[in-house]
Every structure is written in structure tokens, then in C-alpha cells.
N, C-alpha and C. Protein backbone atom coordinates (compact mmCIF):
# COMPACT_ATOMS: atom_id res chain seq x y z
N MET A 1 0.81 -1.18 -0.03
CA MET A 1 0.03 -0.08 -0.11
C MET A 1 0.87 1.27 0.00
N ALA A 2 0.47 2.31 -0.80
CA ALA A 2 1.26 3.49 -0.88
C ALA A 2 1.18 4.22 0.48
N LEU A 3 2.14 5.10 0.81
CA LEU A 3 2.07 5.81 2.02
C LEU A 3 0.92 6.71 2.06
N ASN A 4 0.37 6.88 3.22
CA ASN A 4 -0.73 7.73 3.40
C ASN A 4 -0.47 9.09 3.06
N ALA A 5 -1.42 9.88 2.41
CA ALA A 5 -1.11 11.14 1.76
C ALA A 5 -1.82 12.25 2.76
N ARG A 6 -0.93 12.96 3.37
CA ARG A 6 -1.36 14.20 4.16
C ARG A 6 -2.54 13.86 5.10
N LEU A 7 -2.24 13.12 5.98
CA LEU A 7 -3.24 12.82 7.14
C LEU A 7 -3.57 13.96 7.83
N ASP A 8 -4.86 14.26 8.19
CA ASP A 8 -5.33 15.27 8.99
C ASP A 8 -5.51 14.95 10.30
N HIS A 9 -4.72 15.54 11.29
CA HIS A 9 -4.87 15.17 12.76
C HIS A 9 -6.21 15.47 13.33
N ARG A 10 -7.00 16.30 12.63
CA ARG A 10 -8.38 16.73 13.21
C ARG A 10 -9.30 15.62 12.73
N ASN A 11 -8.96 14.71 11.89
CA ASN A 11 -9.88 13.66 11.55
C ASN A 11 -10.01 12.64 12.81
N PRO A 12 -11.13 12.43 13.27
CA PRO A 12 -11.26 11.54 14.59
C PRO A 12 -10.69 10.19 14.43
N LEU A 13 -10.54 9.70 13.13
CA LEU A 13 -10.04 8.42 12.95
C LEU A 13 -8.47 8.40 12.66
N VAL A 14 -7.92 9.45 12.81
CA VAL A 14 -6.39 9.64 12.60
C VAL A 14 -5.83 9.71 14.12
N PHE A 15 -4.81 8.99 14.29
CA PHE A 15 -4.30 8.89 15.75
C PHE A 15 -2.77 9.26 15.69
N ASP A 16 -2.31 9.89 16.78
CA ASP A 16 -0.86 10.37 16.86
C ASP A 16 -0.11 9.35 17.82
N THR A 17 0.95 8.93 17.36
CA THR A 17 1.90 8.06 18.12
C THR A 17 3.13 8.50 18.62
N HIS A 18 3.16 9.94 18.48
CA HIS A 18 4.50 10.63 18.94
C HIS A 18 4.86 10.30 20.36
N GLU A 19 3.80 10.17 21.17
CA GLU A 19 4.08 9.93 22.60
C GLU A 19 4.80 8.60 22.89
N LEU A 20 4.67 7.54 21.98
CA LEU A 20 5.45 6.36 22.10
C LEU A 20 6.90 6.61 21.90
N GLY A 21 7.31 7.67 21.10
CA GLY A 21 8.68 7.88 20.85
C GLY A 21 9.57 6.91 20.22
N ARG A 22 8.95 5.92 19.48
CA ARG A 22 9.70 4.88 18.79
C ARG A 22 10.59 4.13 19.79
N ARG A 23 10.12 3.98 21.02
CA ARG A 23 10.82 3.10 21.97
C ARG A 23 10.07 1.72 22.02
N PRO A 24 10.63 0.74 21.58
CA PRO A 24 10.02 -0.66 21.61
C PRO A 24 9.70 -0.91 22.99
N GLY A 25 8.35 -1.41 23.19
CA GLY A 25 7.82 -1.76 24.39
C GLY A 25 6.85 -0.73 25.00
N ALA A 26 7.01 0.48 24.49
CA ALA A 26 6.11 1.63 25.03
C ALA A 26 4.73 1.30 24.61
N LEU A 27 3.90 1.61 25.56
CA LEU A 27 2.39 1.39 25.46
C LEU A 27 1.53 2.68 25.64
N GLN A 28 0.52 2.76 25.00
CA GLN A 28 -0.46 3.85 25.05
C GLN A 28 -1.84 3.25 24.90
N ARG A 29 -2.85 3.65 25.72
CA ARG A 29 -4.11 3.24 25.63
C ARG A 29 -4.99 4.42 25.43
N LEU A 30 -5.88 4.26 24.46
CA LEU A 30 -6.86 5.37 24.16
C LEU A 30 -8.30 4.85 24.06
N ASN A 31 -9.17 5.76 24.46
CA ASN A 31 -10.62 5.48 24.31
C ASN A 31 -11.12 6.82 23.66
N ARG A 32 -11.98 6.47 22.63
CA ARG A 32 -12.42 7.62 21.79
C ARG A 32 -13.88 7.19 21.25
N THR A 33 -14.76 8.07 21.29
CA THR A 33 -16.09 7.93 20.64
C THR A 33 -16.16 8.83 19.40
N ILE A 34 -16.42 8.13 18.36
CA ILE A 34 -16.50 8.98 17.06
C ILE A 34 -17.91 8.77 16.35
N ASP A 35 -18.23 9.74 15.46
CA ASP A 35 -19.28 9.49 14.56
C ASP A 35 -19.10 8.58 13.49
N ALA A 36 -19.90 7.56 13.25
CA ALA A 36 -19.62 6.57 12.13
C ALA A 36 -19.65 7.22 10.80
N PRO A 37 -18.67 6.83 10.00
CA PRO A 37 -18.49 7.31 8.63
C PRO A 37 -19.52 6.70 7.82
N VAL A 38 -19.67 7.30 6.59
CA VAL A 38 -20.70 6.83 5.74
C VAL A 38 -20.29 5.40 5.22
N ASP A 39 -21.44 4.53 5.07
CA ASP A 39 -21.28 3.16 4.51
C ASP A 39 -20.38 2.35 5.46
N LEU A 40 -20.60 2.39 6.76
CA LEU A 40 -19.90 1.58 7.65
C LEU A 40 -20.53 0.16 7.96
N GLY A 41 -20.28 -0.78 7.03
CA GLY A 41 -20.89 -2.01 7.11
C GLY A 41 -21.05 -2.76 5.83
N ILE A 42 -22.03 -3.55 5.66
CA ILE A 42 -22.28 -4.30 4.37
C ILE A 42 -23.45 -3.52 3.70
N GLN A 43 -23.11 -2.89 2.67
CA GLN A 43 -23.92 -1.95 1.94
C GLN A 43 -25.23 -2.71 1.56
N GLY A 44 -26.36 -2.16 1.77
CA GLY A 44 -27.66 -2.62 1.38
C GLY A 44 -28.07 -3.96 2.33
N VAL A 45 -27.30 -4.28 3.19
CA VAL A 45 -27.73 -5.39 4.05
C VAL A 45 -27.85 -4.97 5.59
N ILE A 46 -26.63 -4.53 6.16
CA ILE A 46 -26.70 -4.16 7.47
C ILE A 46 -25.47 -3.28 7.80
N GLY A 47 -25.60 -2.26 8.66
CA GLY A 47 -24.43 -1.46 8.89
C GLY A 47 -24.68 -0.44 10.07
N VAL A 48 -23.70 0.30 10.35
CA VAL A 48 -23.86 1.33 11.44
C VAL A 48 -24.29 2.56 10.73
N PRO A 49 -25.39 3.17 11.06
CA PRO A 49 -25.83 4.45 10.40
C PRO A 49 -24.82 5.56 10.49
N GLU A 50 -24.74 6.33 9.43
CA GLU A 50 -23.72 7.43 9.41
C GLU A 50 -24.15 8.43 10.52
N GLY A 51 -23.04 8.79 11.28
CA GLY A 51 -23.26 9.64 12.33
C GLY A 51 -23.49 8.99 13.72
N ALA A 52 -23.76 7.73 13.74
CA ALA A 52 -24.09 7.04 14.98
C ALA A 52 -22.80 6.91 15.71
N PRO A 53 -22.81 6.88 17.16
CA PRO A 53 -21.63 6.79 17.88
C PRO A 53 -20.92 5.42 17.86
N VAL A 54 -19.64 5.53 17.67
CA VAL A 54 -18.80 4.17 17.72
C VAL A 54 -17.82 4.37 18.78
N GLU A 55 -17.80 3.45 19.67
CA GLU A 55 -16.88 3.61 20.73
C GLU A 55 -15.54 2.65 20.44
N LEU A 56 -14.36 3.40 20.55
CA LEU A 56 -13.18 2.80 20.20
C LEU A 56 -12.32 2.56 21.52
N ASP A 57 -11.84 1.47 21.64
CA ASP A 57 -10.78 1.11 22.80
C ASP A 57 -9.56 0.62 22.15
N LEU A 58 -8.52 1.32 22.23
CA LEU A 58 -7.25 1.04 21.48
C LEU A 58 -6.17 0.82 22.47
N ARG A 59 -5.16 -0.07 21.98
CA ARG A 59 -3.93 -0.27 22.60
C ARG A 59 -2.85 -0.15 21.67
N LEU A 60 -2.05 0.89 21.87
CA LEU A 60 -0.95 1.16 20.80
C LEU A 60 0.37 0.64 21.49
N GLU A 61 1.05 -0.17 20.81
CA GLU A 61 2.42 -0.75 21.23
C GLU A 61 3.51 -0.50 20.34
N SER A 62 4.45 0.18 20.74
CA SER A 62 5.77 0.36 19.94
C SER A 62 6.51 -0.88 19.77
N VAL A 63 6.80 -1.25 18.49
CA VAL A 63 7.70 -2.34 18.31
C VAL A 63 8.84 -1.93 17.33
N MET A 64 9.71 -2.78 16.96
CA MET A 64 10.83 -2.40 16.29
C MET A 64 10.52 -1.77 14.92
N GLU A 65 9.51 -2.44 14.27
CA GLU A 65 9.25 -2.00 12.89
C GLU A 65 8.15 -1.03 12.73
N GLY A 66 7.42 -0.74 13.86
CA GLY A 66 6.35 0.19 13.75
C GLY A 66 5.53 0.26 15.00
N VAL A 67 4.16 0.43 14.90
CA VAL A 67 3.29 0.55 15.95
C VAL A 67 2.21 -0.53 15.72
N LEU A 68 2.10 -1.41 16.81
CA LEU A 68 1.06 -2.41 16.72
C LEU A 68 -0.24 -1.93 17.35
N VAL A 69 -1.34 -1.91 16.63
CA VAL A 69 -2.59 -1.37 17.12
C VAL A 69 -3.63 -2.45 17.36
N THR A 70 -3.97 -2.64 18.60
CA THR A 70 -5.05 -3.57 18.93
C THR A 70 -6.25 -2.90 19.51
N GLY A 71 -7.44 -3.26 19.09
CA GLY A 71 -8.61 -2.60 19.59
C GLY A 71 -9.98 -3.22 19.39
N THR A 72 -10.90 -2.64 19.93
CA THR A 72 -12.38 -3.08 19.82
C THR A 72 -13.25 -1.85 19.45
N ALA A 73 -14.10 -2.11 18.50
CA ALA A 73 -15.07 -1.10 18.18
C ALA A 73 -16.44 -1.52 18.58
N ARG A 74 -17.26 -0.65 19.26
CA ARG A 74 -18.60 -1.10 19.70
C ARG A 74 -19.54 -0.08 19.24
N ALA A 75 -20.71 -0.57 18.52
CA ALA A 75 -21.79 0.32 18.04
C ALA A 75 -23.03 -0.47 17.87
N SER A 76 -24.07 0.29 17.43
CA SER A 76 -25.29 -0.47 17.18
C SER A 76 -25.55 -0.45 15.69
N ALA A 77 -25.67 -1.64 15.11
CA ALA A 77 -25.96 -1.78 13.55
C ALA A 77 -27.37 -1.96 13.41
N LYS A 78 -27.88 -1.35 12.23
CA LYS A 78 -29.21 -1.52 11.80
C LYS A 78 -29.30 -2.16 10.36
N GLY A 79 -30.41 -2.99 10.24
CA GLY A 79 -30.62 -3.58 8.91
C GLY A 79 -31.89 -4.11 8.73
N GLU A 80 -32.16 -5.10 7.98
CA GLU A 80 -33.41 -5.77 7.61
C GLU A 80 -33.27 -7.20 7.63
N CYS A 81 -34.21 -7.90 8.32
CA CYS A 81 -34.25 -9.38 8.29
C CYS A 81 -34.34 -9.89 6.99
N VAL A 82 -33.49 -10.86 6.60
CA VAL A 82 -33.63 -11.36 5.15
C VAL A 82 -34.75 -12.30 5.04
N ARG A 83 -35.39 -12.78 6.02
CA ARG A 83 -36.51 -13.72 6.01
C ARG A 83 -37.84 -13.00 5.85
N CYS A 84 -38.09 -12.07 6.89
CA CYS A 84 -39.40 -11.45 7.01
C CYS A 84 -39.31 -10.00 6.70
N LEU A 85 -38.03 -9.44 6.37
CA LEU A 85 -38.00 -8.10 5.87
C LEU A 85 -38.36 -6.97 6.93
N GLU A 86 -38.35 -7.41 8.10
CA GLU A 86 -38.63 -6.37 9.33
C GLU A 86 -37.37 -5.77 9.63
N PRO A 87 -37.32 -4.49 10.12
CA PRO A 87 -36.16 -3.78 10.51
C PRO A 87 -35.51 -4.48 11.89
N LEU A 88 -34.32 -4.50 11.91
CA LEU A 88 -33.62 -5.12 13.03
C LEU A 88 -32.48 -4.23 13.47
N GLU A 89 -32.14 -4.45 14.74
CA GLU A 89 -30.97 -3.69 15.32
C GLU A 89 -30.21 -4.79 16.11
N GLN A 90 -28.81 -4.55 16.00
CA GLN A 90 -27.95 -5.59 16.41
C GLN A 90 -26.69 -4.91 17.10
N VAL A 91 -26.33 -5.28 18.30
CA VAL A 91 -25.08 -4.90 18.97
C VAL A 91 -23.96 -5.30 18.20
N LEU A 92 -23.08 -4.35 17.83
CA LEU A 92 -21.87 -4.82 17.16
C LEU A 92 -20.54 -4.61 18.05
N GLU A 93 -19.70 -5.61 18.03
CA GLU A 93 -18.53 -5.71 18.80
C GLU A 93 -17.36 -6.19 17.75
N ALA A 94 -16.55 -5.31 17.25
CA ALA A 94 -15.51 -5.79 16.29
C ALA A 94 -14.16 -5.63 16.87
N ASP A 95 -13.59 -6.77 16.89
CA ASP A 95 -12.09 -6.68 17.32
C ASP A 95 -11.14 -6.78 16.01
N PHE A 96 -10.00 -6.00 16.27
CA PHE A 96 -9.06 -5.85 15.18
C PHE A 96 -7.61 -5.70 15.72
N GLN A 97 -6.60 -6.01 14.88
CA GLN A 97 -5.18 -5.85 15.20
C GLN A 97 -4.48 -5.65 13.86
N GLU A 98 -3.69 -4.45 14.04
CA GLU A 98 -2.99 -4.15 12.66
C GLU A 98 -1.67 -3.52 13.03
N MET A 99 -0.71 -3.80 12.12
CA MET A 99 0.68 -3.11 12.34
C MET A 99 0.68 -1.92 11.31
N PHE A 100 1.25 -0.81 11.88
CA PHE A 100 1.40 0.39 11.10
C PHE A 100 2.95 0.48 11.03
N SER A 101 3.60 0.35 9.96
CA SER A 101 5.00 0.26 9.80
C SER A 101 5.71 1.64 9.70
N TYR A 102 6.83 1.73 10.21
CA TYR A 102 7.58 3.00 9.88
C TYR A 102 8.11 2.90 8.44
N PRO A 103 7.89 3.90 7.65
CA PRO A 103 8.20 3.83 6.25
C PRO A 103 9.81 3.77 5.96
N ASP A 104 10.52 4.13 6.92
CA ASP A 104 11.98 4.28 6.81
C ASP A 104 12.73 2.97 7.41
N ALA A 105 12.00 1.89 7.79
CA ALA A 105 12.61 0.84 8.51
C ALA A 105 12.22 -0.52 7.86
N ASP A 106 13.15 -1.50 7.79
CA ASP A 106 12.81 -2.79 7.19
C ASP A 106 12.09 -3.71 8.18
N ASP A 107 11.85 -4.96 7.73
CA ASP A 107 11.01 -5.80 8.59
C ASP A 107 11.70 -6.08 9.93
N ARG A 108 12.87 -5.75 10.17
CA ARG A 108 13.56 -6.00 11.60
C ARG A 108 13.68 -4.63 12.30
N GLY A 109 13.06 -3.52 11.67
CA GLY A 109 13.15 -2.21 12.40
C GLY A 109 14.35 -1.50 12.30
N ARG A 110 15.22 -2.01 11.29
CA ARG A 110 16.41 -1.33 11.04
C ARG A 110 16.29 -0.29 9.83
N PRO A 111 16.97 0.82 9.91
CA PRO A 111 16.77 1.83 8.72
C PRO A 111 17.11 1.24 7.54
N LYS A 112 16.36 1.58 6.35
CA LYS A 112 16.75 0.94 5.11
C LYS A 112 17.92 1.67 4.50
N ALA A 113 18.80 0.85 3.96
CA ALA A 113 19.98 1.53 3.30
C ALA A 113 19.55 2.25 2.01
N GLU A 114 18.66 1.89 1.27
CA GLU A 114 18.17 2.50 0.15
C GLU A 114 16.65 2.17 -0.17
N PRO A 115 15.94 3.01 -0.98
CA PRO A 115 14.59 2.50 -1.13
C PRO A 115 14.43 1.17 -1.84
N ALA A 116 13.40 0.46 -1.27
CA ALA A 116 13.23 -0.78 -1.81
C ALA A 116 12.32 -0.78 -2.98
N ASP A 117 12.42 -1.86 -3.87
CA ASP A 117 11.66 -1.80 -5.03
C ASP A 117 10.75 -3.00 -4.96
N ASP A 118 10.09 -3.19 -3.82
CA ASP A 118 9.23 -4.42 -3.65
C ASP A 118 7.84 -4.02 -3.49
N ALA A 119 7.17 -3.70 -4.63
CA ALA A 119 5.96 -3.16 -4.69
C ALA A 119 4.87 -4.18 -4.12
N GLU A 120 5.14 -5.47 -4.41
CA GLU A 120 4.17 -6.54 -3.93
C GLU A 120 4.20 -6.59 -2.46
N ASP A 121 5.48 -6.38 -1.87
CA ASP A 121 5.52 -6.56 -0.41
C ASP A 121 4.81 -5.42 0.35
N ASP A 122 4.84 -4.21 -0.30
CA ASP A 122 4.19 -3.05 0.34
C ASP A 122 2.70 -2.90 0.02
N GLU A 123 2.16 -3.80 -0.82
CA GLU A 123 0.79 -3.62 -1.27
C GLU A 123 -0.18 -3.78 -0.03
N ASP A 124 0.11 -4.66 0.83
CA ASP A 124 -0.71 -4.84 1.90
C ASP A 124 -0.36 -4.20 3.29
N THR A 125 0.67 -3.48 3.11
CA THR A 125 1.34 -2.81 4.37
C THR A 125 0.63 -1.33 4.64
N LEU A 126 0.37 -1.03 5.84
CA LEU A 126 -0.08 0.19 6.32
C LEU A 126 1.04 0.85 6.93
N PHE A 127 1.26 2.15 6.59
CA PHE A 127 2.44 2.88 7.15
C PHE A 127 1.98 4.11 7.94
N LEU A 128 2.87 4.42 8.81
CA LEU A 128 2.77 5.60 9.56
C LEU A 128 3.33 6.80 8.70
N GLU A 129 2.59 7.98 8.89
CA GLU A 129 3.10 9.09 8.28
C GLU A 129 3.26 10.26 9.29
N ASP A 130 4.48 10.60 9.44
CA ASP A 130 4.92 11.72 10.39
C ASP A 130 4.20 11.26 11.86
N GLY A 131 4.39 10.02 12.15
CA GLY A 131 3.80 9.46 13.37
C GLY A 131 2.25 9.42 13.46
N LEU A 132 1.52 9.58 12.37
CA LEU A 132 0.26 9.49 12.44
C LEU A 132 -0.36 8.20 11.72
N PHE A 133 -1.42 7.80 12.06
CA PHE A 133 -1.99 6.56 11.26
C PHE A 133 -3.54 6.81 11.11
N ASP A 134 -4.11 6.29 10.04
CA ASP A 134 -5.52 6.38 9.78
C ASP A 134 -6.14 5.03 10.10
N LEU A 135 -7.06 4.95 11.02
CA LEU A 135 -7.64 3.69 11.54
C LEU A 135 -8.85 3.30 10.60
N GLU A 136 -9.39 4.07 9.75
CA GLU A 136 -10.63 3.97 9.00
C GLU A 136 -10.65 2.65 8.20
N PRO A 137 -9.58 2.42 7.38
CA PRO A 137 -9.64 1.06 6.55
C PRO A 137 -9.55 -0.17 7.45
N VAL A 138 -8.91 -0.02 8.50
CA VAL A 138 -8.90 -1.17 9.57
C VAL A 138 -10.33 -1.38 10.15
N LEU A 139 -10.91 -0.20 10.51
CA LEU A 139 -12.19 -0.27 11.13
C LEU A 139 -13.22 -0.92 10.23
N ARG A 140 -13.14 -0.42 9.00
CA ARG A 140 -14.18 -0.91 8.02
C ARG A 140 -14.07 -2.35 7.77
N ASP A 141 -12.95 -2.88 7.64
CA ASP A 141 -12.70 -4.28 7.46
C ASP A 141 -13.17 -5.12 8.62
N ALA A 142 -12.82 -4.59 9.81
CA ALA A 142 -13.22 -5.31 11.07
C ALA A 142 -14.86 -5.22 11.23
N VAL A 143 -15.46 -4.22 10.85
CA VAL A 143 -16.83 -4.23 11.04
C VAL A 143 -17.54 -5.16 10.04
N VAL A 144 -17.12 -5.20 8.83
CA VAL A 144 -17.63 -6.10 7.76
C VAL A 144 -17.55 -7.63 8.24
N LEU A 145 -16.39 -7.94 8.85
CA LEU A 145 -16.14 -9.26 9.28
C LEU A 145 -17.02 -9.71 10.43
N ALA A 146 -17.35 -8.66 11.25
CA ALA A 146 -18.12 -8.92 12.55
C ALA A 146 -19.65 -8.95 12.25
N LEU A 147 -20.10 -8.41 11.06
CA LEU A 147 -21.45 -8.46 10.81
C LEU A 147 -22.04 -9.62 10.06
N PRO A 148 -23.26 -10.09 10.18
CA PRO A 148 -23.79 -11.29 9.44
C PRO A 148 -24.06 -10.81 7.97
N MET A 149 -23.80 -11.74 7.09
CA MET A 149 -24.03 -11.55 5.66
C MET A 149 -25.55 -11.69 5.35
N GLN A 150 -26.24 -12.34 6.34
CA GLN A 150 -27.66 -12.62 6.14
C GLN A 150 -28.29 -12.45 7.48
N PRO A 151 -28.51 -11.27 7.86
CA PRO A 151 -29.00 -10.94 9.24
C PRO A 151 -30.52 -11.46 9.40
N VAL A 152 -30.86 -11.91 10.56
CA VAL A 152 -32.22 -12.37 10.87
C VAL A 152 -32.64 -11.65 12.15
N CYS A 153 -33.95 -11.38 12.19
CA CYS A 153 -34.53 -10.85 13.51
C CYS A 153 -34.44 -11.77 14.69
N GLN A 154 -34.53 -12.98 14.34
CA GLN A 154 -34.44 -14.08 15.37
C GLN A 154 -34.02 -15.42 14.65
N ASP A 155 -33.24 -16.26 15.32
CA ASP A 155 -32.69 -17.46 14.65
C ASP A 155 -33.78 -18.25 13.98
N ASP A 156 -34.97 -18.40 14.66
CA ASP A 156 -36.10 -19.34 14.09
C ASP A 156 -37.14 -18.45 13.42
N CYS A 157 -36.84 -17.30 12.81
CA CYS A 157 -37.80 -16.54 12.13
C CYS A 157 -38.28 -17.35 10.92
N PRO A 158 -39.57 -17.54 10.91
CA PRO A 158 -40.20 -18.33 9.83
C PRO A 158 -40.31 -17.62 8.35
N GLY A 159 -40.16 -16.29 8.40
CA GLY A 159 -40.21 -15.55 7.30
C GLY A 159 -41.63 -15.22 6.77
N LEU A 160 -41.82 -15.10 5.54
CA LEU A 160 -43.09 -14.63 4.91
C LEU A 160 -43.81 -15.81 4.19
N CYS A 161 -45.15 -15.72 4.16
CA CYS A 161 -45.90 -16.70 3.40
C CYS A 161 -45.63 -16.46 1.97
N SER A 162 -45.39 -17.63 1.34
CA SER A 162 -44.98 -17.55 -0.25
C SER A 162 -46.21 -17.22 -0.96
N GLU A 163 -47.46 -17.36 -0.49
CA GLU A 163 -48.78 -17.17 -1.21
C GLU A 163 -49.19 -15.72 -1.16
N CYS A 164 -49.16 -15.16 0.10
CA CYS A 164 -49.72 -13.83 0.24
C CYS A 164 -48.75 -12.79 0.94
N GLY A 165 -47.56 -13.22 1.26
CA GLY A 165 -46.55 -12.38 1.86
C GLY A 165 -46.75 -12.02 3.30
N ALA A 166 -47.79 -12.67 4.01
CA ALA A 166 -47.96 -12.37 5.40
C ALA A 166 -46.74 -12.86 6.28
N ARG A 167 -46.48 -12.15 7.32
CA ARG A 167 -45.43 -12.48 8.24
C ARG A 167 -45.82 -13.53 9.19
N LEU A 168 -45.19 -14.68 8.92
CA LEU A 168 -45.64 -16.01 9.65
C LEU A 168 -45.46 -15.93 11.11
N ALA A 169 -44.57 -15.18 11.64
CA ALA A 169 -44.36 -15.07 13.13
C ALA A 169 -45.53 -14.45 13.74
N ASP A 170 -46.32 -13.58 13.09
CA ASP A 170 -47.42 -12.93 13.63
C ASP A 170 -48.72 -13.80 13.66
N ASP A 171 -48.69 -14.89 12.89
CA ASP A 171 -49.77 -15.91 12.82
C ASP A 171 -49.26 -17.34 12.61
N PRO A 172 -48.88 -18.04 13.51
CA PRO A 172 -48.22 -19.22 13.41
C PRO A 172 -49.23 -20.26 12.71
N GLU A 173 -50.51 -20.05 12.83
CA GLU A 173 -51.51 -20.96 12.13
C GLU A 173 -51.81 -20.67 10.66
N HIS A 174 -51.17 -19.69 10.22
CA HIS A 174 -51.46 -19.15 8.84
C HIS A 174 -51.16 -20.22 7.82
N HIS A 175 -52.18 -20.47 6.99
CA HIS A 175 -52.01 -21.46 5.74
C HIS A 175 -53.10 -21.07 4.79
N HIS A 176 -52.87 -21.76 3.63
CA HIS A 176 -53.84 -21.63 2.52
C HIS A 176 -54.21 -22.99 2.02
N ASP A 177 -55.47 -23.13 1.65
CA ASP A 177 -56.07 -24.40 1.14
C ASP A 177 -56.18 -24.55 -0.30
N ALA A 178 -55.60 -23.56 -1.08
CA ALA A 178 -55.63 -23.60 -2.56
C ALA A 178 -54.99 -24.92 -3.12
N VAL A 179 -55.60 -25.38 -4.02
CA VAL A 179 -55.02 -26.43 -4.69
C VAL A 179 -54.07 -26.08 -5.82
N ASP A 180 -52.99 -26.85 -5.94
CA ASP A 180 -51.97 -26.57 -6.87
C ASP A 180 -52.69 -26.49 -8.31
N ILE A 181 -52.48 -25.34 -9.02
CA ILE A 181 -53.14 -25.10 -10.33
C ILE A 181 -52.71 -26.22 -11.33
N ARG A 182 -51.61 -26.83 -11.25
CA ARG A 182 -51.25 -27.99 -12.13
C ARG A 182 -52.18 -29.08 -12.03
N TRP A 183 -52.39 -29.46 -10.71
CA TRP A 183 -53.36 -30.66 -10.40
C TRP A 183 -54.79 -30.23 -10.69
N ALA A 184 -55.12 -29.02 -10.48
CA ALA A 184 -56.47 -28.54 -10.78
C ALA A 184 -56.74 -28.71 -12.34
N ALA A 185 -55.70 -28.45 -13.15
CA ALA A 185 -55.89 -28.52 -14.59
C ALA A 185 -56.08 -30.02 -15.12
N LEU A 186 -55.27 -30.81 -14.33
CA LEU A 186 -55.33 -32.31 -14.52
C LEU A 186 -56.76 -32.90 -14.28
N GLN A 187 -57.19 -32.29 -13.14
CA GLN A 187 -58.53 -32.85 -12.64
C GLN A 187 -59.64 -32.44 -13.56
N GLY A 188 -59.39 -31.16 -14.10
CA GLY A 188 -60.53 -30.61 -14.96
C GLY A 188 -60.44 -31.53 -16.40
N LEU A 189 -59.21 -31.83 -16.76
CA LEU A 189 -59.13 -32.75 -18.01
C LEU A 189 -59.78 -34.06 -17.82
N ALA A 190 -59.49 -34.60 -16.57
CA ALA A 190 -59.95 -36.08 -16.34
C ALA A 190 -61.56 -35.96 -16.32
N GLY A 191 -62.10 -34.84 -15.76
CA GLY A 191 -63.61 -34.74 -15.75
C GLY A 191 -64.08 -34.66 -17.12
N SER A 192 -63.41 -33.93 -18.07
CA SER A 192 -63.91 -33.75 -19.42
C SER A 192 -63.94 -35.14 -20.17
N LEU A 193 -62.89 -35.90 -19.91
CA LEU A 193 -62.74 -37.26 -20.60
C LEU A 193 -63.95 -38.19 -20.02
N GLU A 194 -64.14 -38.12 -18.70
CA GLU A 194 -65.30 -38.89 -18.14
C GLU A 194 -66.66 -38.47 -18.85
N ASP A 195 -66.93 -37.21 -18.87
CA ASP A 195 -68.13 -36.84 -19.55
C ASP A 195 -68.28 -37.15 -20.89
N GLY A 196 -67.12 -37.21 -21.74
CA GLY A 196 -67.22 -37.62 -23.06
C GLY A 196 -67.41 -39.08 -23.30
N GLU A 197 -66.83 -39.85 -22.40
CA GLU A 197 -67.12 -41.23 -22.47
C GLU A 197 -68.64 -41.63 -22.19
N LYS A 198 -69.24 -40.90 -21.15
CA LYS A 198 -70.57 -41.11 -20.83
C LYS A 198 -71.55 -40.66 -22.01
N ASP A 199 -71.14 -39.63 -22.72
CA ASP A 199 -71.98 -39.17 -23.89
C ASP A 199 -71.93 -40.15 -25.02
N GLU A 200 -70.71 -40.83 -25.30
CA GLU A 200 -70.55 -41.81 -26.38
C GLU A 200 -71.48 -43.11 -25.95
N LEU A 201 -71.38 -43.51 -24.70
CA LEU A 201 -72.14 -44.69 -24.32
C LEU A 201 -73.67 -44.43 -24.45
N SER A 202 -74.09 -43.21 -23.98
CA SER A 202 -75.58 -42.87 -24.22
C SER A 202 -75.96 -42.70 -25.59
N GLY A 203 -75.03 -42.48 -26.53
CA GLY A 203 -75.45 -42.30 -27.93
C GLY A 203 -75.41 -43.51 -28.76
N ALA A 204 -75.02 -44.72 -28.11
CA ALA A 204 -74.83 -45.90 -28.91
C ALA A 204 -76.20 -46.46 -29.44
N GLU A 205 -76.31 -47.09 -30.60
CA GLU A 205 -77.50 -47.59 -31.28
C GLU A 205 -77.97 -48.84 -30.46
N PRO A 206 -79.29 -49.04 -30.29
CA PRO A 206 -79.91 -50.15 -29.51
C PRO A 206 -79.57 -51.40 -30.27
N GLY A 207 -79.28 -52.43 -29.59
CA GLY A 207 -78.96 -53.84 -30.12
C GLY A 207 -77.54 -53.90 -30.56
N VAL A 208 -76.68 -52.89 -30.42
CA VAL A 208 -75.40 -53.06 -30.90
C VAL A 208 -74.66 -54.14 -30.07
N ASP A 209 -74.86 -54.00 -28.67
CA ASP A 209 -74.15 -54.96 -27.75
C ASP A 209 -74.66 -56.41 -28.01
N GLU A 210 -75.93 -56.48 -28.36
CA GLU A 210 -76.53 -57.79 -28.54
C GLU A 210 -75.86 -58.47 -29.76
N LYS A 211 -75.72 -57.73 -30.74
CA LYS A 211 -75.17 -58.11 -32.03
C LYS A 211 -73.65 -58.70 -31.91
N GLN A 212 -72.95 -57.78 -30.98
CA GLN A 212 -71.59 -58.16 -30.81
C GLN A 212 -71.48 -59.49 -30.07
N GLU A 213 -72.44 -59.75 -29.00
CA GLU A 213 -72.41 -60.97 -28.28
C GLU A 213 -72.67 -62.17 -29.17
N LYS A 214 -73.56 -62.06 -30.25
CA LYS A 214 -73.79 -63.07 -31.05
C LYS A 214 -72.66 -63.36 -32.06
């Protein structure tokens, strides 16, 4: 991943690590409540509404190659039950851990002798910029992993009636007596054939059966 560009310390999801002083083993604990950014969750399914409070508990640990960030995000997510389509609300608790590397150090924390040309190695790496790091991409990934892909209002939600769309949880005895139209068509055809046979028998000439017997 490319280096972060011009992080704004006023952004509530940008954190300052200068207090750690690049001293391996130094620790810092932070608690911060932020307003949820837009589209925090699984779009169109369930997520934290924009502007809703998100509580962050963070532990920042200085290590040789950067700052290891461990934390938990807590919020209330809202969505729609995939079975009955009723609105639902779910308590969200997402744990995460991410390394933010010093841009001028190798994987052992030593200063780089010269710029590395390992684009693939840096693709998934998050970097500190002037002692700052942006938690937003880490938070988004953690929230998506913590949320259900198919949320339900309750584990045994029966869903909706396939005939009329009624919510089955509101009426456990709900049912329909309608006959399958395919069977109804066959029954109608069978009735027509029976009527035709009766008509043929009733229209037969007298004495035909007697002649056939002789």
C-alpha cells in the first residue's frame, strides 16, 4: 500500500503515536467515541448508520518495525431481516489488530539502506506518516467481518408466506387451502374425458351390444 497522503490530525479516525517515541515496548491506551463514517458495514444489508456513535478502545504498542494497534469497536448496527424483511438492530463488537510500519525501516526495524523496489511486499502494508495513522480502513474491514451476511431478527424466524406475503411469526397457524393449479388442470381434463365417455355410451344404437355378443 502506498504511504498515506497528508493525514489530517483533526480527523477523529487519525491517531498520533508521537508519545510512544519509537521506544520498543512503550504502550499507550486510548478511548475515543467517534461518529460513524458513511457506509460503515455491508452496503444494502446491515451497517452502522452514518453519524451514529462508535466507541473505540485502543492499545498502541511500539515495536521495532512500527506501531502495533489492537482494539475493539462497539456500536449499534441496523438492517433488515432477510426472511421477514422487518427492521432489526444488532449490537456490534468488532475486534481488530493491525501493524502500522515505519516507512523508513525494514522488517527488523532497521533503517533502510536505500529505497526498496518491492511493490508487492508493500501492497498490503499500512504505514505511519509523520507519526500518524488512519484507522478507518482497518475499522471498515473489522466491522464487515463482524456483521452477518444474512441478518435475521431471530434465529427461528419463519419468514413470509409464499402465497400472500404475510409475516408468519405474527400468525403461526397461517395457511392456505388452495389446490396446486397444475393438479387442478389435470382434474379438469379428467372430468372432461369422463363426461365424453358417458356421452358416447348414451348415444350408442340399440342392439349393438347384442349383435356383438352373437
